[in-house]
Amino acid sequence: MPFDLDLNYLESIYTTHCPIFNIEFKWGSADGRYNCPSLDRIDNDKGYVKGNVIFVSSKANTIKSTVVHPKELYAVADFLWEKLIELNGN
């Protein structure tokens, strides 16, 4: 798997909040384990290379790690959204 990351690059892309859930990253906190930053590949078919990685929360990365293709995430989200609309009558 290709790899070309270095510390300077990682520092340049690091943010203080998860771009998906907008939760503040917390380092090494047992109660905030889902808030810990996690380096994630945007395209899993590519390696850990510049332009293909982003810091997200462990929570976001855990959710993403169980799918084979991003379309699966949409299928789950769409299904749950429709059920919420039915349940709440909106």
N, C-alpha and C. Protein backbone atom coordinates (compact mmCIF):
# COMPACT_ATOMS: atom_id res chain seq x y z
N MET A 1 0.85 -1.17 0.00
CA MET A 1 0.00 0.00 0.00
C MET A 1 0.90 1.24 0.00
N PRO A 2 0.66 2.17 -0.91
CA PRO A 2 1.48 3.38 -0.97
C PRO A 2 1.39 4.22 0.30
N PHE A 3 2.50 4.85 0.65
CA PHE A 3 2.58 5.70 1.85
C PHE A 3 3.61 6.78 1.59
N ASP A 4 3.20 8.05 1.71
CA ASP A 4 4.16 9.13 1.54
C ASP A 4 3.97 10.26 2.55
N LEU A 5 3.34 9.96 3.69
CA LEU A 5 3.06 10.98 4.68
C LEU A 5 4.29 11.29 5.52
N ASP A 6 4.36 12.53 5.98
CA ASP A 6 5.41 12.93 6.91
C ASP A 6 4.79 13.85 7.96
N LEU A 7 5.53 14.10 9.02
CA LEU A 7 5.01 14.87 10.14
C LEU A 7 4.57 16.27 9.70
N ASN A 8 5.34 16.93 8.87
CA ASN A 8 4.96 18.27 8.40
C ASN A 8 3.62 18.25 7.69
N TYR A 9 3.40 17.26 6.85
CA TYR A 9 2.13 17.18 6.13
C TYR A 9 0.98 16.93 7.11
N LEU A 10 1.16 16.00 8.04
CA LEU A 10 0.10 15.70 9.00
C LEU A 10 -0.24 16.92 9.85
N GLU A 11 0.78 17.66 10.27
CA GLU A 11 0.52 18.88 11.04
C GLU A 11 -0.23 19.91 10.19
N SER A 12 0.04 19.95 8.90
CA SER A 12 -0.61 20.94 8.03
C SER A 12 -2.09 20.64 7.80
N ILE A 13 -2.51 19.39 7.93
CA ILE A 13 -3.92 19.05 7.69
C ILE A 13 -4.72 18.85 8.98
N TYR A 14 -4.02 18.89 10.12
CA TYR A 14 -4.70 18.66 11.40
C TYR A 14 -5.61 19.83 11.75
N THR A 15 -6.79 19.51 12.27
CA THR A 15 -7.71 20.51 12.78
C THR A 15 -8.08 20.14 14.21
N THR A 16 -8.78 20.99 14.90
CA THR A 16 -9.14 20.73 16.29
C THR A 16 -10.49 20.04 16.44
N HIS A 17 -11.25 19.98 15.33
CA HIS A 17 -12.59 19.40 15.37
C HIS A 17 -12.80 18.40 14.23
N CYS A 18 -13.63 17.41 14.50
CA CYS A 18 -14.00 16.45 13.46
C CYS A 18 -14.81 17.16 12.39
N PRO A 19 -14.41 17.07 11.13
CA PRO A 19 -15.15 17.75 10.07
C PRO A 19 -16.52 17.12 9.79
N ILE A 20 -16.75 15.92 10.28
CA ILE A 20 -18.03 15.24 10.05
C ILE A 20 -19.03 15.57 11.15
N PHE A 21 -18.62 15.45 12.41
CA PHE A 21 -19.53 15.66 13.54
C PHE A 21 -19.31 16.98 14.27
N ASN A 22 -18.30 17.72 13.87
CA ASN A 22 -17.96 19.00 14.50
C ASN A 22 -17.77 18.87 16.01
N ILE A 23 -17.20 17.76 16.45
CA ILE A 23 -16.87 17.59 17.86
C ILE A 23 -15.38 17.85 18.05
N GLU A 24 -15.04 18.44 19.17
CA GLU A 24 -13.64 18.76 19.44
C GLU A 24 -12.87 17.47 19.70
N PHE A 25 -11.70 17.40 19.09
CA PHE A 25 -10.84 16.24 19.32
C PHE A 25 -10.30 16.26 20.74
N LYS A 26 -10.24 15.09 21.36
CA LYS A 26 -9.66 14.94 22.70
C LYS A 26 -8.65 13.81 22.62
N TRP A 27 -7.45 14.08 23.07
CA TRP A 27 -6.37 13.10 23.01
C TRP A 27 -6.32 12.28 24.29
N GLY A 28 -6.29 10.96 24.16
CA GLY A 28 -6.01 10.04 25.27
C GLY A 28 -7.02 10.03 26.39
N SER A 29 -8.23 10.40 26.15
CA SER A 29 -9.26 10.41 27.18
C SER A 29 -10.13 9.17 27.04
N ALA A 30 -10.17 8.36 28.10
CA ALA A 30 -10.97 7.13 28.06
C ALA A 30 -12.44 7.44 27.83
N ASP A 31 -12.96 8.49 28.47
CA ASP A 31 -14.38 8.81 28.30
C ASP A 31 -14.65 9.53 26.98
N GLY A 32 -13.61 10.01 26.32
CA GLY A 32 -13.80 10.68 25.05
C GLY A 32 -13.21 9.90 23.89
N ARG A 33 -13.18 8.58 24.01
CA ARG A 33 -12.50 7.77 23.00
C ARG A 33 -13.06 7.97 21.60
N TYR A 34 -14.34 8.27 21.49
CA TYR A 34 -14.91 8.51 20.17
C TYR A 34 -14.56 9.90 19.65
N ASN A 35 -14.07 10.75 20.54
CA ASN A 35 -13.66 12.09 20.15
C ASN A 35 -12.19 12.17 19.79
N CYS A 36 -11.47 11.08 19.92
CA CYS A 36 -10.04 11.07 19.59
C CYS A 36 -9.86 11.23 18.09
N PRO A 37 -8.83 11.97 17.67
CA PRO A 37 -8.58 12.09 16.24
C PRO A 37 -8.10 10.77 15.66
N SER A 38 -8.50 10.51 14.44
CA SER A 38 -8.13 9.28 13.75
C SER A 38 -7.80 9.64 12.30
N LEU A 39 -6.67 9.15 11.83
CA LEU A 39 -6.28 9.43 10.45
C LEU A 39 -7.01 8.45 9.54
N ASP A 40 -7.74 8.98 8.58
CA ASP A 40 -8.59 8.16 7.72
C ASP A 40 -8.26 8.39 6.26
N ARG A 41 -8.29 7.30 5.49
CA ARG A 41 -8.16 7.43 4.04
C ARG A 41 -9.51 7.82 3.47
N ILE A 42 -9.51 8.79 2.58
CA ILE A 42 -10.74 9.21 1.93
C ILE A 42 -11.19 8.14 0.94
N ASP A 43 -10.28 7.67 0.13
CA ASP A 43 -10.53 6.59 -0.82
C ASP A 43 -9.76 5.37 -0.34
N ASN A 44 -10.48 4.36 0.12
CA ASN A 44 -9.83 3.18 0.70
C ASN A 44 -9.04 2.37 -0.33
N ASP A 45 -9.27 2.62 -1.61
CA ASP A 45 -8.51 1.92 -2.64
C ASP A 45 -7.12 2.51 -2.84
N LYS A 46 -6.91 3.68 -2.26
CA LYS A 46 -5.60 4.32 -2.35
C LYS A 46 -4.90 4.21 -1.00
N GLY A 47 -3.64 4.45 -0.98
CA GLY A 47 -2.88 4.32 0.26
C GLY A 47 -2.96 5.55 1.14
N TYR A 48 -2.10 5.52 2.15
CA TYR A 48 -1.95 6.67 3.04
C TYR A 48 -1.00 7.63 2.34
N VAL A 49 -1.57 8.42 1.44
CA VAL A 49 -0.77 9.35 0.63
C VAL A 49 -1.34 10.76 0.77
N LYS A 50 -0.49 11.73 0.52
CA LYS A 50 -0.90 13.13 0.60
C LYS A 50 -2.09 13.36 -0.31
N GLY A 51 -3.08 14.06 0.21
CA GLY A 51 -4.30 14.34 -0.54
C GLY A 51 -5.39 13.30 -0.36
N ASN A 52 -5.06 12.15 0.25
CA ASN A 52 -6.04 11.09 0.43
C ASN A 52 -6.31 10.78 1.90
N VAL A 53 -5.83 11.62 2.80
CA VAL A 53 -6.06 11.37 4.22
C VAL A 53 -6.64 12.62 4.88
N ILE A 54 -7.38 12.37 5.94
CA ILE A 54 -8.00 13.45 6.70
C ILE A 54 -8.13 12.99 8.14
N PHE A 55 -8.06 13.92 9.07
CA PHE A 55 -8.32 13.60 10.46
C PHE A 55 -9.81 13.69 10.71
N VAL A 56 -10.38 12.62 11.23
CA VAL A 56 -11.79 12.59 11.64
C VAL A 56 -11.83 12.01 13.05
N SER A 57 -12.97 12.06 13.69
CA SER A 57 -13.09 11.46 15.02
C SER A 57 -13.08 9.94 14.90
N SER A 58 -12.67 9.29 15.96
CA SER A 58 -12.72 7.83 15.99
C SER A 58 -14.14 7.33 15.75
N LYS A 59 -15.12 8.09 16.23
CA LYS A 59 -16.51 7.73 16.00
C LYS A 59 -16.82 7.66 14.51
N ALA A 60 -16.44 8.70 13.77
CA ALA A 60 -16.69 8.74 12.33
C ALA A 60 -15.92 7.64 11.62
N ASN A 61 -14.68 7.42 12.02
CA ASN A 61 -13.87 6.41 11.37
C ASN A 61 -14.40 5.01 11.66
N THR A 62 -14.91 4.79 12.85
CA THR A 62 -15.49 3.49 13.20
C THR A 62 -16.72 3.22 12.35
N ILE A 63 -17.57 4.21 12.19
CA ILE A 63 -18.75 4.04 11.35
C ILE A 63 -18.34 3.72 9.92
N LYS A 64 -17.39 4.47 9.40
CA LYS A 64 -16.96 4.28 8.03
C LYS A 64 -16.24 2.94 7.83
N SER A 65 -15.56 2.46 8.84
CA SER A 65 -14.74 1.26 8.68
C SER A 65 -15.54 -0.01 8.43
N THR A 66 -16.82 0.02 8.71
CA THR A 66 -17.64 -1.18 8.56
C THR A 66 -18.29 -1.29 7.19
N VAL A 67 -18.11 -0.28 6.34
CA VAL A 67 -18.73 -0.34 5.01
C VAL A 67 -17.69 -0.66 3.94
N VAL A 68 -18.15 -1.29 2.90
CA VAL A 68 -17.28 -1.61 1.77
C VAL A 68 -17.26 -0.44 0.79
N HIS A 69 -18.41 0.19 0.60
CA HIS A 69 -18.52 1.29 -0.36
C HIS A 69 -19.34 2.41 0.28
N PRO A 70 -18.99 3.66 0.02
CA PRO A 70 -19.74 4.78 0.60
C PRO A 70 -21.24 4.74 0.33
N LYS A 71 -21.67 4.10 -0.75
CA LYS A 71 -23.10 4.00 -1.03
C LYS A 71 -23.83 3.28 0.10
N GLU A 72 -23.14 2.39 0.80
CA GLU A 72 -23.75 1.69 1.93
C GLU A 72 -24.11 2.67 3.04
N LEU A 73 -23.27 3.66 3.26
CA LEU A 73 -23.57 4.68 4.27
C LEU A 73 -24.83 5.45 3.90
N TYR A 74 -24.95 5.79 2.62
CA TYR A 74 -26.14 6.50 2.16
C TYR A 74 -27.39 5.63 2.32
N ALA A 75 -27.28 4.37 2.04
CA ALA A 75 -28.43 3.47 2.17
C ALA A 75 -28.93 3.44 3.61
N VAL A 76 -28.01 3.32 4.56
CA VAL A 76 -28.40 3.30 5.98
C VAL A 76 -29.00 4.65 6.38
N ALA A 77 -28.32 5.73 6.01
CA ALA A 77 -28.81 7.06 6.37
C ALA A 77 -30.18 7.34 5.76
N ASP A 78 -30.35 7.03 4.49
CA ASP A 78 -31.64 7.26 3.83
C ASP A 78 -32.76 6.46 4.49
N PHE A 79 -32.48 5.20 4.81
CA PHE A 79 -33.47 4.35 5.45
C PHE A 79 -33.87 4.93 6.81
N LEU A 80 -32.88 5.27 7.63
CA LEU A 80 -33.18 5.80 8.96
C LEU A 80 -33.91 7.14 8.88
N TRP A 81 -33.53 7.98 7.94
CA TRP A 81 -34.19 9.27 7.76
C TRP A 81 -35.67 9.08 7.42
N GLU A 82 -35.95 8.17 6.50
CA GLU A 82 -37.34 7.89 6.12
C GLU A 82 -38.13 7.36 7.31
N LYS A 83 -37.54 6.48 8.10
CA LYS A 83 -38.23 5.93 9.27
C LYS A 83 -38.50 7.02 10.31
N LEU A 84 -37.56 7.94 10.49
CA LEU A 84 -37.78 9.06 11.42
C LEU A 84 -38.92 9.95 10.94
N ILE A 85 -38.97 10.20 9.65
CA ILE A 85 -40.06 11.01 9.10
C ILE A 85 -41.40 10.32 9.33
N GLU A 86 -41.45 9.01 9.07
CA GLU A 86 -42.69 8.26 9.31
C GLU A 86 -43.09 8.30 10.78
N LEU A 87 -42.13 8.10 11.65
CA LEU A 87 -42.39 8.05 13.08
C LEU A 87 -42.88 9.40 13.61
N ASN A 88 -42.28 10.46 13.12
CA ASN A 88 -42.61 11.79 13.64
C ASN A 88 -43.65 12.52 12.81
N GLY A 89 -44.07 11.92 11.70
CA GLY A 89 -45.10 12.53 10.88
C GLY A 89 -44.67 13.80 10.17
N ASN A 90 -43.40 13.94 9.94
CA ASN A 90 -42.90 15.17 9.26
C ASN A 90 -42.62 14.89 7.83
